């Protein structure tokens, strides 16, 4: 491979290896040396690119958030109404490129690390605020503003909760079941919001 683009290739290999190692061993037991070995690069290069294991975890989170954003844009491109945009957000959250065992393990590591790592906490807050804000915008076209905010926060909590719940579940992830549960919740909120609006 030409040297141009080699750094980007190595960085991606390290990020992919981070997800694999977290899934196999958990973040506390993962070492930079093992991650580098999985990526086929030296431990020194991993430290050079990311500085520390926490830095590598944050870079991994940024990469996964970028992937999620790309998947969401693809789903949104097919949506024409506020209700369809809510469904697009749910579909992207449980899409085949997202809702898989290794990524579920990585997201659990993000949440745990956010308790002690300010940058991880900042990234999670950005993700959560954006998710709730986008949902609230679309819910507000279907119900009152206060009800929309509550519905958005509840929908976001369901999405995150179903992701984290998968850590303790047996068998492969069931994205259709997860989408159905969130969609059922959304429908109940829309019906309730409509009643409140016309009360």
C-alpha atoms as a PDB file:
ATOM      1  CA  UNK A   1       0.000   0.000   0.000  1.00  0.00           C
ATOM      2  CA  UNK A   2       1.381   3.484  -0.814  1.00  0.00           C
ATOM      3  CA  UNK A   3       2.517   5.556   2.136  1.00  0.00           C
ATOM      4  CA  UNK A   4      -0.185   8.098   1.295  1.00  0.00           C
ATOM      5  CA  UNK A   5      -3.193   6.884   3.218  1.00  0.00           C
ATOM      6  CA  UNK A   6      -1.146   4.472   5.329  1.00  0.00           C
ATOM      7  CA  UNK A   7      -1.758   6.444   8.536  1.00  0.00           C
ATOM      8  CA  UNK A   8      -5.521   6.471   7.971  1.00  0.00           C
ATOM      9  CA  UNK A   9      -5.417   2.730   7.250  1.00  0.00           C
ATOM     10  CA  UNK A  10      -3.460   2.028  10.451  1.00  0.00           C
ATOM     11  CA  UNK A  11      -5.718   4.229  12.545  1.00  0.00           C
ATOM     12  CA  UNK A  12      -8.790   2.388  11.258  1.00  0.00           C
ATOM     13  CA  UNK A  13      -7.110  -0.961  11.905  1.00  0.00           C
ATOM     14  CA  UNK A  14      -6.421   0.108  15.507  1.00  0.00           C
ATOM     15  CA  UNK A  15      -9.999   1.295  15.996  1.00  0.00           C
ATOM     16  CA  UNK A  16     -11.377  -1.968  14.595  1.00  0.00           C
ATOM     17  CA  UNK A  17      -8.990  -3.908  16.835  1.00  0.00           C
ATOM     18  CA  UNK A  18     -10.139  -1.880  19.842  1.00  0.00           C
ATOM     19  CA  UNK A  19     -13.743  -2.951  19.256  1.00  0.00           C
ATOM     20  CA  UNK A  20     -12.662  -6.587  18.820  1.00  0.00           C
ATOM     21  CA  UNK A  21     -10.493  -6.546  21.948  1.00  0.00           C
ATOM     22  CA  UNK A  22     -13.136  -4.896  24.124  1.00  0.00           C
ATOM     23  CA  UNK A  23     -15.610  -7.531  22.994  1.00  0.00           C
ATOM     24  CA  UNK A  24     -13.178 -10.374  23.677  1.00  0.00           C
ATOM     25  CA  UNK A  25     -11.651  -9.180  26.955  1.00  0.00           C
ATOM     26  CA  UNK A  26     -13.497  -6.115  28.223  1.00  0.00           C
ATOM     27  CA  UNK A  27     -12.011  -2.632  28.277  1.00  0.00           C
ATOM     28  CA  UNK A  28     -10.265  -2.877  31.693  1.00  0.00           C
ATOM     29  CA  UNK A  29      -8.288  -5.964  30.593  1.00  0.00           C
ATOM     30  CA  UNK A  30      -7.561  -4.741  27.086  1.00  0.00           C
ATOM     31  CA  UNK A  31      -4.003  -3.467  26.629  1.00  0.00           C
ATOM     32  CA  UNK A  32      -2.526  -1.218  23.975  1.00  0.00           C
ATOM     33  CA  UNK A  33      -0.091  -4.028  23.150  1.00  0.00           C
ATOM     34  CA  UNK A  34      -2.867  -6.528  22.462  1.00  0.00           C
ATOM     35  CA  UNK A  35      -4.885  -4.010  20.452  1.00  0.00           C
ATOM     36  CA  UNK A  36      -1.808  -3.156  18.391  1.00  0.00           C
ATOM     37  CA  UNK A  37      -1.087  -6.840  17.835  1.00  0.00           C
ATOM     38  CA  UNK A  38      -4.615  -7.438  16.566  1.00  0.00           C
ATOM     39  CA  UNK A  39      -4.234  -4.444  14.265  1.00  0.00           C
ATOM     40  CA  UNK A  40      -0.889  -5.679  12.950  1.00  0.00           C
ATOM     41  CA  UNK A  41       1.065  -2.616  14.072  1.00  0.00           C
ATOM     42  CA  UNK A  42       3.577  -1.894  16.822  1.00  0.00           C
ATOM     43  CA  UNK A  43       2.535  -0.837  20.289  1.00  0.00           C
ATOM     44  CA  UNK A  44       4.693   2.257  19.897  1.00  0.00           C
ATOM     45  CA  UNK A  45       2.707   3.314  16.837  1.00  0.00           C
ATOM     46  CA  UNK A  46      -0.571   2.926  18.711  1.00  0.00           C
ATOM     47  CA  UNK A  47       0.750   5.198  21.466  1.00  0.00           C
ATOM     48  CA  UNK A  48       2.067   7.636  18.857  1.00  0.00           C
ATOM     49  CA  UNK A  49      -1.343   7.949  17.179  1.00  0.00           C
ATOM     50  CA  UNK A  50      -3.608   7.991  20.242  1.00  0.00           C
ATOM     51  CA  UNK A  51      -1.430   8.699  23.294  1.00  0.00           C
ATOM     52  CA  UNK A  52      -3.192   6.324  25.680  1.00  0.00           C
ATOM     53  CA  UNK A  53      -5.816   3.616  25.915  1.00  0.00           C
ATOM     54  CA  UNK A  54      -8.385   6.267  26.877  1.00  0.00           C
ATOM     55  CA  UNK A  55      -7.403   8.284  23.814  1.00  0.00           C
ATOM     56  CA  UNK A  56      -7.849   5.220  21.637  1.00  0.00           C
ATOM     57  CA  UNK A  57     -11.260   4.512  23.183  1.00  0.00           C
ATOM     58  CA  UNK A  58     -12.376   8.077  22.458  1.00  0.00           C
ATOM     59  CA  UNK A  59     -11.126   7.838  18.871  1.00  0.00           C
ATOM     60  CA  UNK A  60     -13.066   4.589  18.545  1.00  0.00           C
ATOM     61  CA  UNK A  61     -16.183   6.269  19.853  1.00  0.00           C
ATOM     62  CA  UNK A  62     -15.820   9.148  17.381  1.00  0.00           C
ATOM     63  CA  UNK A  63     -15.480   6.635  14.554  1.00  0.00           C
ATOM     64  CA  UNK A  64     -18.568   4.696  15.642  1.00  0.00           C
ATOM     65  CA  UNK A  65     -20.559   7.912  16.019  1.00  0.00           C
ATOM     66  CA  UNK A  66     -19.518   8.898  12.483  1.00  0.00           C
ATOM     67  CA  UNK A  67     -20.706   5.498  11.225  1.00  0.00           C
ATOM     68  CA  UNK A  68     -24.023   5.930  13.045  1.00  0.00           C
ATOM     69  CA  UNK A  69     -24.429   9.415  11.577  1.00  0.00           C
ATOM     70  CA  UNK A  70     -23.832   8.035   8.078  1.00  0.00           C
ATOM     71  CA  UNK A  71     -26.408   5.279   8.598  1.00  0.00           C
ATOM     72  CA  UNK A  72     -28.899   7.812   9.968  1.00  0.00           C
ATOM     73  CA  UNK A  73     -28.469  10.085   6.928  1.00  0.00           C
ATOM     74  CA  UNK A  74     -29.155   7.113   4.654  1.00  0.00           C
ATOM     75  CA  UNK A  75     -32.366   6.302   6.551  1.00  0.00           C
ATOM     76  CA  UNK A  76     -33.446   9.965   6.670  1.00  0.00           C
ATOM     77  CA  UNK A  77     -33.056  10.269   2.906  1.00  0.00           C
ATOM     78  CA  UNK A  78     -36.043   7.921   2.564  1.00  0.00           C
ATOM     79  CA  UNK A  79     -38.229   9.718   5.141  1.00  0.00           C
ATOM     80  CA  UNK A  80     -40.769  12.351   4.109  1.00  0.00           C
ATOM     81  CA  UNK A  81     -42.793  13.022   7.256  1.00  0.00           C
ATOM     82  CA  UNK A  82     -42.026  13.693  10.906  1.00  0.00           C
ATOM     83  CA  UNK A  83     -43.302  10.235  11.852  1.00  0.00           C
ATOM     84  CA  UNK A  84     -41.120   8.619   9.185  1.00  0.00           C
ATOM     85  CA  UNK A  85     -38.089  10.551  10.454  1.00  0.00           C
ATOM     86  CA  UNK A  86     -38.677   9.190  13.972  1.00  0.00           C
ATOM     87  CA  UNK A  87     -38.818   5.694  12.504  1.00  0.00           C
ATOM     88  CA  UNK A  88     -35.652   6.414  10.511  1.00  0.00           C
ATOM     89  CA  UNK A  89     -33.819   7.290  13.726  1.00  0.00           C
ATOM     90  CA  UNK A  90     -34.985   4.053  15.331  1.00  0.00           C
ATOM     91  CA  UNK A  91     -34.097   1.991  12.250  1.00  0.00           C
ATOM     92  CA  UNK A  92     -30.601   3.477  12.074  1.00  0.00           C
ATOM     93  CA  UNK A  93     -30.026   2.776  15.763  1.00  0.00           C
ATOM     94  CA  UNK A  94     -30.735  -0.933  15.288  1.00  0.00           C
ATOM     95  CA  UNK A  95     -29.453  -1.301  11.732  1.00  0.00           C
ATOM     96  CA  UNK A  96     -27.222  -4.188  10.610  1.00  0.00           C
ATOM     97  CA  UNK A  97     -24.128  -2.007  10.743  1.00  0.00           C
ATOM     98  CA  UNK A  98     -24.848  -0.996  14.339  1.00  0.00           C
ATOM     99  CA  UNK A  99     -26.711  -3.515  16.496  1.00  0.00           C
ATOM    100  CA  UNK A 100     -24.113  -6.272  16.656  1.00  0.00           C
ATOM    101  CA  UNK A 101     -22.335  -7.919  19.600  1.00  0.00           C
ATOM    102  CA  UNK A 102     -18.897  -6.311  19.314  1.00  0.00           C
ATOM    103  CA  UNK A 103     -20.322  -2.796  18.971  1.00  0.00           C
ATOM    104  CA  UNK A 104     -22.700  -3.400  21.873  1.00  0.00           C
ATOM    105  CA  UNK A 105     -19.685  -4.298  24.031  1.00  0.00           C
ATOM    106  CA  UNK A 106     -17.890  -1.158  22.868  1.00  0.00           C
ATOM    107  CA  UNK A 107     -20.835   1.076  23.771  1.00  0.00           C
ATOM    108  CA  UNK A 108     -21.007  -0.438  27.243  1.00  0.00           C
ATOM    109  CA  UNK A 109     -17.310   0.413  27.635  1.00  0.00           C
ATOM    110  CA  UNK A 110     -18.041   4.008  26.560  1.00  0.00           C
ATOM    111  CA  UNK A 111     -20.720   4.392  29.228  1.00  0.00           C
ATOM    112  CA  UNK A 112     -18.539   2.912  31.943  1.00  0.00           C
ATOM    113  CA  UNK A 113     -15.502   4.985  30.956  1.00  0.00           C
ATOM    114  CA  UNK A 114     -17.616   8.171  30.881  1.00  0.00           C
ATOM    115  CA  UNK A 115     -17.806   8.020  34.677  1.00  0.00           C
ATOM    116  CA  UNK A 116     -14.064   8.736  34.964  1.00  0.00           C
ATOM    117  CA  UNK A 117     -12.980  10.119  31.578  1.00  0.00           C
ATOM    118  CA  UNK A 118     -14.149  13.698  30.787  1.00  0.00           C
ATOM    119  CA  UNK A 119     -13.694  13.427  27.018  1.00  0.00           C
ATOM    120  CA  UNK A 120     -15.704  10.200  26.833  1.00  0.00           C
ATOM    121  CA  UNK A 121     -18.416  11.850  28.920  1.00  0.00           C
ATOM    122  CA  UNK A 122     -18.399  14.872  26.599  1.00  0.00           C
ATOM    123  CA  UNK A 123     -18.780  12.674  23.498  1.00  0.00           C
ATOM    124  CA  UNK A 124     -21.661  10.736  25.054  1.00  0.00           C
ATOM    125  CA  UNK A 125     -23.406  13.968  26.018  1.00  0.00           C
ATOM    126  CA  UNK A 126     -23.088  15.277  22.464  1.00  0.00           C
ATOM    127  CA  UNK A 127     -24.525  12.041  21.101  1.00  0.00           C
ATOM    128  CA  UNK A 128     -27.400  12.038  23.580  1.00  0.00           C
ATOM    129  CA  UNK A 129     -28.275  15.719  23.125  1.00  0.00           C
ATOM    130  CA  UNK A 130     -28.303  15.345  19.347  1.00  0.00           C
ATOM    131  CA  UNK A 131     -30.475  12.232  19.534  1.00  0.00           C
ATOM    132  CA  UNK A 132     -33.007  13.847  21.856  1.00  0.00           C
ATOM    133  CA  UNK A 133     -32.989  17.143  19.936  1.00  0.00           C
ATOM    134  CA  UNK A 134     -33.643  15.460  16.585  1.00  0.00           C
ATOM    135  CA  UNK A 135     -36.425  13.324  18.024  1.00  0.00           C
ATOM    136  CA  UNK A 136     -37.980  16.280  19.878  1.00  0.00           C
ATOM    137  CA  UNK A 137     -38.052  18.326  16.675  1.00  0.00           C
ATOM    138  CA  UNK A 138     -40.068  15.646  14.891  1.00  0.00           C
ATOM    139  CA  UNK A 139     -42.303  14.821  17.855  1.00  0.00           C
ATOM    140  CA  UNK A 140     -43.124  18.549  18.150  1.00  0.00           C
ATOM    141  CA  UNK A 141     -44.790  18.359  14.740  1.00  0.00           C
ATOM    142  CA  UNK A 142     -47.131  15.712  16.151  1.00  0.00           C
ATOM    143  CA  UNK A 143     -47.858  16.993  19.672  1.00  0.00           C
ATOM    144  CA  UNK A 144     -47.200  19.861  22.080  1.00  0.00           C
ATOM    145  CA  UNK A 145     -43.650  20.987  22.767  1.00  0.00           C
ATOM    146  CA  UNK A 146     -43.455  19.724  26.375  1.00  0.00           C
ATOM    147  CA  UNK A 147     -44.973  16.380  25.442  1.00  0.00           C
ATOM    148  CA  UNK A 148     -42.560  16.174  22.503  1.00  0.00           C
ATOM    149  CA  UNK A 149     -39.565  16.647  24.752  1.00  0.00           C
ATOM    150  CA  UNK A 150     -40.736  13.925  27.121  1.00  0.00           C
ATOM    151  CA  UNK A 151     -41.461  11.568  24.239  1.00  0.00           C
ATOM    152  CA  UNK A 152     -38.030  12.240  22.747  1.00  0.00           C
ATOM    153  CA  UNK A 153     -36.241  11.604  26.036  1.00  0.00           C
ATOM    154  CA  UNK A 154     -38.229   8.410  26.577  1.00  0.00           C
ATOM    155  CA  UNK A 155     -37.501   7.161  23.057  1.00  0.00           C
ATOM    156  CA  UNK A 156     -33.786   7.884  23.449  1.00  0.00           C
ATOM    157  CA  UNK A 157     -33.781   6.089  26.808  1.00  0.00           C
ATOM    158  CA  UNK A 158     -35.449   3.055  25.240  1.00  0.00           C
ATOM    159  CA  UNK A 159     -32.899   2.939  22.420  1.00  0.00           C
ATOM    160  CA  UNK A 160     -29.953   3.177  24.810  1.00  0.00           C
ATOM    161  CA  UNK A 161     -31.547   0.779  27.289  1.00  0.00           C
ATOM    162  CA  UNK A 162     -32.169  -1.912  24.686  1.00  0.00           C
ATOM    163  CA  UNK A 163     -28.567  -1.606  23.534  1.00  0.00           C
ATOM    164  CA  UNK A 164     -27.187  -2.008  27.043  1.00  0.00           C
ATOM    165  CA  UNK A 165     -29.655  -4.763  27.896  1.00  0.00           C
ATOM    166  CA  UNK A 166     -28.185  -6.846  25.068  1.00  0.00           C
ATOM    167  CA  UNK A 167     -24.950  -7.196  27.059  1.00  0.00           C
ATOM    168  CA  UNK A 168     -26.761  -9.548  29.450  1.00  0.00           C
ATOM    169  CA  UNK A 169     -28.885 -11.382  26.875  1.00  0.00           C
ATOM    170  CA  UNK A 170     -28.279 -14.798  25.372  1.00  0.00           C
ATOM    171  CA  UNK A 171     -28.190 -15.440  21.652  1.00  0.00           C
ATOM    172  CA  UNK A 172     -27.725 -12.989  18.789  1.00  0.00           C
ATOM    173  CA  UNK A 173     -29.239  -9.481  18.885  1.00  0.00           C
ATOM    174  CA  UNK A 174     -32.831  -9.239  17.693  1.00  0.00           C
ATOM    175  CA  UNK A 175     -33.060  -5.890  15.890  1.00  0.00           C
ATOM    176  CA  UNK A 176     -36.640  -6.387  14.661  1.00  0.00           C
ATOM    177  CA  UNK A 177     -37.858  -7.043  18.195  1.00  0.00           C
ATOM    178  CA  UNK A 178     -35.988  -3.980  19.485  1.00  0.00           C
ATOM    179  CA  UNK A 179     -37.382  -1.748  16.728  1.00  0.00           C
ATOM    180  CA  UNK A 180     -40.901  -3.035  17.402  1.00  0.00           C
ATOM    181  CA  UNK A 181     -40.651  -2.239  21.126  1.00  0.00           C
ATOM    182  CA  UNK A 182     -39.455   1.309  20.473  1.00  0.00           C
ATOM    183  CA  UNK A 183     -42.048   1.857  17.731  1.00  0.00           C
ATOM    184  CA  UNK A 184     -44.809   0.669  20.086  1.00  0.00           C
ATOM    185  CA  UNK A 185     -43.624   3.185  22.675  1.00  0.00           C
ATOM    186  CA  UNK A 186     -43.552   5.960  20.065  1.00  0.00           C
ATOM    187  CA  UNK A 187     -47.098   5.166  18.937  1.00  0.00           C
ATOM    188  CA  UNK A 188     -48.357   5.339  22.512  1.00  0.00           C
ATOM    189  CA  UNK A 189     -46.684   8.718  22.989  1.00  0.00           C
ATOM    190  CA  UNK A 190     -48.186  10.086  19.783  1.00  0.00           C
ATOM    191  CA  UNK A 191     -51.685   8.932  20.769  1.00  0.00           C
ATOM    192  CA  UNK A 192     -51.302  10.403  24.256  1.00  0.00           C
ATOM    193  CA  UNK A 193     -49.808  13.615  22.870  1.00  0.00           C
ATOM    194  CA  UNK A 194     -52.688  13.982  20.457  1.00  0.00           C
ATOM    195  CA  UNK A 195     -55.199  13.633  23.287  1.00  0.00           C
ATOM    196  CA  UNK A 196     -53.359  16.256  25.340  1.00  0.00           C
ATOM    197  CA  UNK A 197     -53.211  18.616  22.381  1.00  0.00           C
ATOM    198  CA  UNK A 198     -56.965  18.458  21.844  1.00  0.00           C
ATOM    199  CA  UNK A 199     -57.957  18.394  25.505  1.00  0.00           C
END
